[in-house]
Amino acid sequence: MRTFTIRETSQRILNPFTPEKLATLGDALHLRAGQTILDLACGKGELLCTWARDHGTAGVGVDVNPVNTQAASARAAQLGVADRLTFIEANAVGFVADTPVDVAACIGATWIGDGVAGTVELLRRSVRPDGLLLIGEPFWRLDPPDLETVHGCWASSKEDFRSLPDLVRLFGELGWDLVEMVLADQDSWDRYSASQWFNIRTWLDANPEHELAAQLREELTTAPVRYVRYGREYLGWGVFALKQR
C-alpha cells in the first residue's frame, strides 16, 4: 500500500480518467439532486465529491486505505459538500449499503468481487431495482501477440482481461443492459501513468536512503518504456453503466 500511496501522491482520480471524462460520465448519467451513490474502493473520492458539487448527489465511499479516505474527506470539505458525503475506512469486499442507493459503483477495482461477475452481483445487493451500476474495468484494445506483451500490461495471463466486445457481451450474459459508457483514451492513460513517474521521482529525491528507494528507483527506470511499449498500445479501460433487465 505504501508504494501505491507514493505513486498516487498528486492524483485525485486513481484510474486513467481525466477530470473532463469524469464530468462527461456524470452528465451522461443524467444525475439528479438528491440521488444517492455508493462507491466501493472509492480511492480519494473524486467521483463522489465532484458529482455532489455538480449534480447535488449524496453518497458513501468505502476504501481500505486511510490516506485515501482522509484525502476524500478533505476534498469534500474543500468543495463544500461534506454534509452530503460519508467516507468509510473499510475493506470494500462484501460491503452492502444499509439502504438501497440510486447508483452503485466500483470503478476499477473488480477484485473486490473476484472479477466482473462477482462485483456486479455485489453491487446489485446495494442498488434500487431501477438503479444504475457503474463498473470500471480494463480491456484489451488490441489482441496481445505474446506473453511478454501480456506481462507488460500488468497481467499474468491474457485471460485476465477481455476484449471490449467480450466485456460488453458479458454484461448481457449477466442480465444487464449496457446503457452508457465512457472510455479512457491514450491521452488520459498518459496523464494517469506519467504523473506517477513524477511522483516517484519527487519522492526518491526526498528519500534516497529509504528502504523502498531501490524498488522505486527500478520502477522509475523501467516503467516509462514498459508503458509506451505495451500498456499505451494494448490496454484499454472504461466505465460502463448498467441497468438490470
Protein backbone atom coordinates (compact mmCIF):
# COMPACT_ATOMS: atom_id res chain seq x y z
CA MET A 1 0.00 0.00 0.00
CA ARG A 2 2.90 2.35 0.69
CA THR A 3 4.16 2.24 -2.89
CA PHE A 4 0.65 2.92 -4.24
CA THR A 5 0.40 5.92 -1.94
CA ILE A 6 3.73 7.26 -3.22
CA ARG A 7 2.79 6.78 -6.88
CA GLU A 8 -0.57 8.46 -6.40
CA THR A 9 0.58 11.40 -4.26
CA SER A 10 -0.60 14.14 -6.63
CA GLN A 11 -3.51 12.23 -8.16
CA ARG A 12 -7.14 12.80 -7.27
CA ILE A 13 -8.52 10.30 -9.80
CA LEU A 14 -6.88 6.91 -9.29
CA ASN A 15 -7.61 5.48 -12.72
CA PRO A 16 -6.99 6.56 -16.34
CA PHE A 17 -9.76 9.16 -16.37
CA THR A 18 -9.24 12.88 -16.64
CA PRO A 19 -11.48 15.33 -14.76
CA GLU A 20 -13.17 16.04 -18.09
CA LYS A 21 -14.02 12.38 -18.63
CA LEU A 22 -15.33 12.04 -15.11
CA ALA A 23 -17.55 15.08 -15.70
CA THR A 24 -18.70 13.65 -19.04
CA LEU A 25 -19.73 10.44 -17.29
CA GLY A 26 -21.69 12.33 -14.65
CA ASP A 27 -23.52 14.33 -17.33
CA ALA A 28 -24.22 11.20 -19.37
CA LEU A 29 -25.96 9.53 -16.44
CA HIS A 30 -28.50 12.40 -16.09
CA LEU A 31 -27.89 12.57 -12.35
CA ARG A 32 -30.41 14.49 -10.26
CA ALA A 33 -30.15 16.33 -6.97
CA GLY A 34 -30.86 14.08 -4.03
CA GLN A 35 -29.84 10.83 -5.72
CA THR A 36 -27.59 8.57 -3.66
CA ILE A 37 -24.38 6.87 -4.72
CA LEU A 38 -22.33 4.08 -3.16
CA ASP A 39 -18.73 3.94 -4.42
CA LEU A 40 -16.79 0.83 -3.38
CA ALA A 41 -12.99 1.14 -3.38
CA CYS A 42 -13.61 4.85 -3.90
CA GLY A 43 -9.98 5.99 -3.80
CA LYS A 44 -9.75 9.69 -2.98
CA GLY A 45 -13.45 10.20 -3.59
CA GLU A 46 -13.25 12.47 -6.62
CA LEU A 47 -16.29 10.91 -8.27
CA LEU A 48 -18.48 11.41 -5.21
CA CYS A 49 -17.13 14.87 -4.43
CA THR A 50 -17.37 16.43 -7.88
CA TRP A 51 -20.73 14.86 -8.69
CA ALA A 52 -22.11 16.10 -5.36
CA ARG A 53 -20.90 19.59 -6.31
CA ASP A 54 -22.10 19.47 -9.92
CA HIS A 55 -25.31 17.44 -9.61
CA GLY A 56 -26.42 17.70 -5.98
CA THR A 57 -25.99 13.98 -5.27
CA ALA A 58 -25.15 12.41 -1.91
CA GLY A 59 -23.37 9.22 -1.04
CA VAL A 60 -20.94 6.94 0.71
CA GLY A 61 -17.43 5.97 -0.31
CA VAL A 62 -15.61 2.93 1.06
CA ASP A 63 -11.85 2.44 0.80
CA VAL A 64 -9.36 0.38 2.77
CA ASN A 65 -6.56 2.96 2.55
CA PRO A 66 -6.78 5.62 5.29
CA VAL A 67 -4.70 8.01 3.17
CA ASN A 68 -7.46 7.87 0.55
CA THR A 69 -10.39 8.32 2.91
CA GLN A 70 -8.67 11.24 4.61
CA ALA A 71 -7.98 12.86 1.23
CA ALA A 72 -11.60 12.25 0.19
CA SER A 73 -12.96 13.90 3.32
CA ALA A 74 -10.67 16.88 2.79
CA ARG A 75 -11.77 17.19 -0.83
CA ALA A 76 -15.44 17.09 0.19
CA ALA A 77 -14.83 19.89 2.66
CA GLN A 78 -12.92 21.88 0.02
CA LEU A 79 -15.85 21.61 -2.41
CA GLY A 80 -18.46 22.37 0.23
CA VAL A 81 -20.22 19.00 0.01
CA ALA A 82 -19.06 17.32 3.22
CA ASP A 83 -22.57 17.38 4.65
CA ARG A 84 -23.78 15.04 1.89
CA LEU A 85 -20.90 12.56 1.78
CA THR A 86 -19.51 9.94 4.15
CA PHE A 87 -16.20 8.15 3.68
CA ILE A 88 -15.63 4.86 5.47
CA GLU A 89 -12.22 3.28 6.00
CA ALA A 90 -13.00 -0.38 5.40
CA ASN A 91 -12.42 -3.26 3.04
CA ALA A 92 -14.99 -2.97 0.26
CA VAL A 93 -15.14 -6.75 -0.18
CA GLY A 94 -18.67 -7.80 0.76
CA PHE A 95 -19.80 -4.27 1.64
CA VAL A 96 -23.54 -3.72 1.16
CA ALA A 97 -25.38 -0.45 1.77
CA ASP A 98 -27.81 -0.31 4.67
CA THR A 99 -30.35 1.39 2.39
CA PRO A 100 -30.58 0.79 -1.39
CA VAL A 101 -28.95 3.52 -3.46
CA ASP A 102 -29.65 5.00 -6.89
CA VAL A 103 -26.14 4.30 -8.19
CA ALA A 104 -23.73 1.61 -7.01
CA ALA A 105 -20.19 1.89 -8.37
CA CYS A 106 -16.90 0.07 -8.42
CA ILE A 107 -14.54 1.99 -10.68
CA GLY A 108 -11.50 -0.10 -11.48
CA ALA A 109 -11.37 -2.48 -8.50
CA THR A 110 -13.37 -5.55 -9.52
CA TRP A 111 -11.03 -7.65 -7.41
CA ILE A 112 -13.48 -6.84 -4.57
CA GLY A 113 -15.89 -9.32 -6.15
CA ASP A 114 -13.25 -11.67 -7.55
CA GLY A 115 -13.90 -10.33 -11.05
CA VAL A 116 -16.58 -8.57 -13.05
CA ALA A 117 -19.39 -11.06 -12.44
CA GLY A 118 -18.89 -11.14 -8.69
CA THR A 119 -18.62 -7.36 -8.49
CA VAL A 120 -21.82 -6.90 -10.48
CA GLU A 121 -23.58 -9.22 -8.03
CA LEU A 122 -22.11 -7.40 -5.03
CA LEU A 123 -23.24 -4.00 -6.34
CA ARG A 124 -26.69 -5.39 -7.20
CA ARG A 125 -27.24 -6.01 -3.49
CA SER A 126 -26.94 -2.27 -2.80
CA VAL A 127 -28.82 -0.71 -5.71
CA ARG A 128 -32.52 0.01 -6.14
CA PRO A 129 -34.34 -2.21 -8.66
CA ASP A 130 -34.40 0.63 -11.19
CA GLY A 131 -30.95 1.95 -10.29
CA LEU A 132 -27.62 2.03 -12.12
CA LEU A 133 -24.43 0.04 -11.69
CA LEU A 134 -21.10 1.54 -12.69
CA ILE A 135 -18.24 -0.83 -13.43
CA GLY A 136 -14.75 0.41 -14.30
CA GLU A 137 -12.67 -2.30 -15.97
CA PRO A 138 -9.65 -2.78 -18.24
CA PHE A 139 -9.96 -4.49 -21.61
CA TRP A 140 -7.67 -5.38 -24.49
CA ARG A 141 -7.58 -2.59 -27.08
CA LEU A 142 -5.51 -4.84 -29.29
CA ASP A 143 -5.01 -8.58 -29.08
CA PRO A 144 -1.70 -9.13 -27.24
CA PRO A 145 0.59 -11.17 -29.52
CA ASP A 146 2.67 -12.86 -26.82
CA LEU A 147 3.15 -13.33 -23.10
CA GLU A 148 5.74 -10.55 -22.96
CA THR A 149 3.05 -8.09 -24.05
CA VAL A 150 0.58 -9.52 -21.55
CA HIS A 151 3.07 -9.09 -18.71
CA GLY A 152 3.92 -5.62 -19.99
CA CYS A 153 0.27 -4.70 -19.42
CA TRP A 154 0.33 -5.73 -15.74
CA ALA A 155 -1.47 -9.01 -16.42
CA SER A 156 -0.38 -12.54 -15.57
CA SER A 157 -2.28 -14.12 -18.46
CA LYS A 158 -4.28 -12.98 -21.48
CA GLU A 159 -7.44 -14.20 -19.74
CA ASP A 160 -7.04 -11.57 -17.02
CA PHE A 161 -8.77 -9.09 -19.35
CA ARG A 162 -11.39 -9.39 -22.08
CA SER A 163 -11.70 -7.62 -25.38
CA LEU A 164 -14.21 -4.75 -25.38
CA PRO A 165 -16.82 -6.79 -27.33
CA ASP A 166 -16.38 -9.72 -24.95
CA LEU A 167 -16.72 -7.47 -21.92
CA VAL A 168 -19.92 -5.91 -23.26
CA ARG A 169 -21.23 -9.37 -24.12
CA LEU A 170 -20.56 -10.50 -20.55
CA PHE A 171 -22.74 -7.73 -19.13
CA GLY A 172 -25.63 -9.04 -21.21
CA GLU A 173 -24.99 -12.62 -20.14
CA LEU A 174 -25.19 -11.47 -16.53
CA GLY A 175 -28.64 -9.98 -17.19
CA TRP A 176 -27.75 -6.29 -17.52
CA ASP A 177 -28.18 -3.76 -20.32
CA LEU A 178 -25.25 -1.53 -21.14
CA VAL A 179 -26.86 1.93 -21.24
CA GLU A 180 -23.81 4.23 -21.26
CA MET A 181 -20.04 4.12 -21.30
CA VAL A 182 -17.10 6.50 -21.23
CA LEU A 183 -13.73 5.08 -22.27
CA ALA A 184 -10.23 6.17 -21.43
CA ASP A 185 -8.03 7.16 -24.36
CA GLN A 186 -4.28 7.26 -24.76
CA ASP A 187 -4.12 10.84 -23.50
CA SER A 188 -5.95 10.03 -20.28
CA TRP A 189 -3.75 6.95 -19.86
CA ASP A 190 -0.73 9.23 -20.28
CA ARG A 191 -1.95 11.56 -17.54
CA TYR A 192 -2.55 8.65 -15.18
CA SER A 193 0.73 6.86 -15.84
CA ALA A 194 3.17 9.70 -16.42
CA SER A 195 2.10 11.70 -13.37
CA GLN A 196 3.08 8.68 -11.26
CA TRP A 197 6.65 8.84 -12.60
CA PHE A 198 6.89 12.45 -11.46
CA ASN A 199 5.55 11.48 -8.03
CA ILE A 200 8.07 8.65 -7.73
CA ARG A 201 11.00 10.84 -8.76
CA THR A 202 9.96 13.58 -6.32
CA TRP A 203 9.76 11.02 -3.52
CA LEU A 204 13.15 9.49 -4.45
CA ASP A 205 14.81 12.90 -4.38
CA ALA A 206 13.49 13.44 -0.86
CA ASN A 207 14.07 9.87 0.41
CA PRO A 208 17.25 8.47 -1.20
CA GLU A 209 18.07 6.16 1.74
CA HIS A 210 14.56 4.83 2.36
CA GLU A 211 14.04 1.05 2.38
CA LEU A 212 11.72 1.39 -0.64
CA ALA A 213 14.13 3.56 -2.63
CA ALA A 214 15.76 0.74 -4.61
CA GLN A 215 12.40 -0.76 -5.58
CA LEU A 216 11.01 2.57 -6.72
CA ARG A 217 14.24 3.51 -8.48
CA GLU A 218 13.95 0.30 -10.52
CA GLU A 219 10.31 1.05 -11.26
CA LEU A 220 11.09 4.55 -12.50
CA THR A 221 13.86 3.17 -14.70
CA THR A 222 11.65 0.54 -16.35
CA ALA A 223 8.06 1.80 -16.14
CA PRO A 224 8.11 4.51 -18.85
CA VAL A 225 9.47 2.18 -21.55
CA ARG A 226 7.14 -0.62 -20.46
CA TYR A 227 4.16 1.70 -20.61
CA VAL A 228 4.85 3.22 -24.04
CA ARG A 229 5.79 -0.19 -25.49
CA TYR A 230 2.88 -2.18 -24.11
CA GLY A 231 0.22 -0.57 -21.90
CA ARG A 232 -0.39 2.52 -24.01
CA GLU A 233 -0.98 0.47 -27.14
CA TYR A 234 -2.70 -2.67 -25.93
CA LEU A 235 -4.67 -1.87 -22.78
CA GLY A 236 -7.97 -0.03 -22.72
CA TRP A 237 -10.13 0.99 -19.79
CA GLY A 238 -13.63 2.30 -19.36
CA VAL A 239 -16.58 2.88 -17.09
CA PHE A 240 -19.77 1.06 -18.05
CA ALA A 241 -23.26 1.96 -16.83
CA LEU A 242 -25.65 -0.97 -16.44
CA LYS A 243 -29.37 -1.39 -15.76
CA GLN A 244 -30.88 -4.73 -14.84
CA ARG A 245 -33.14 -6.36 -17.43
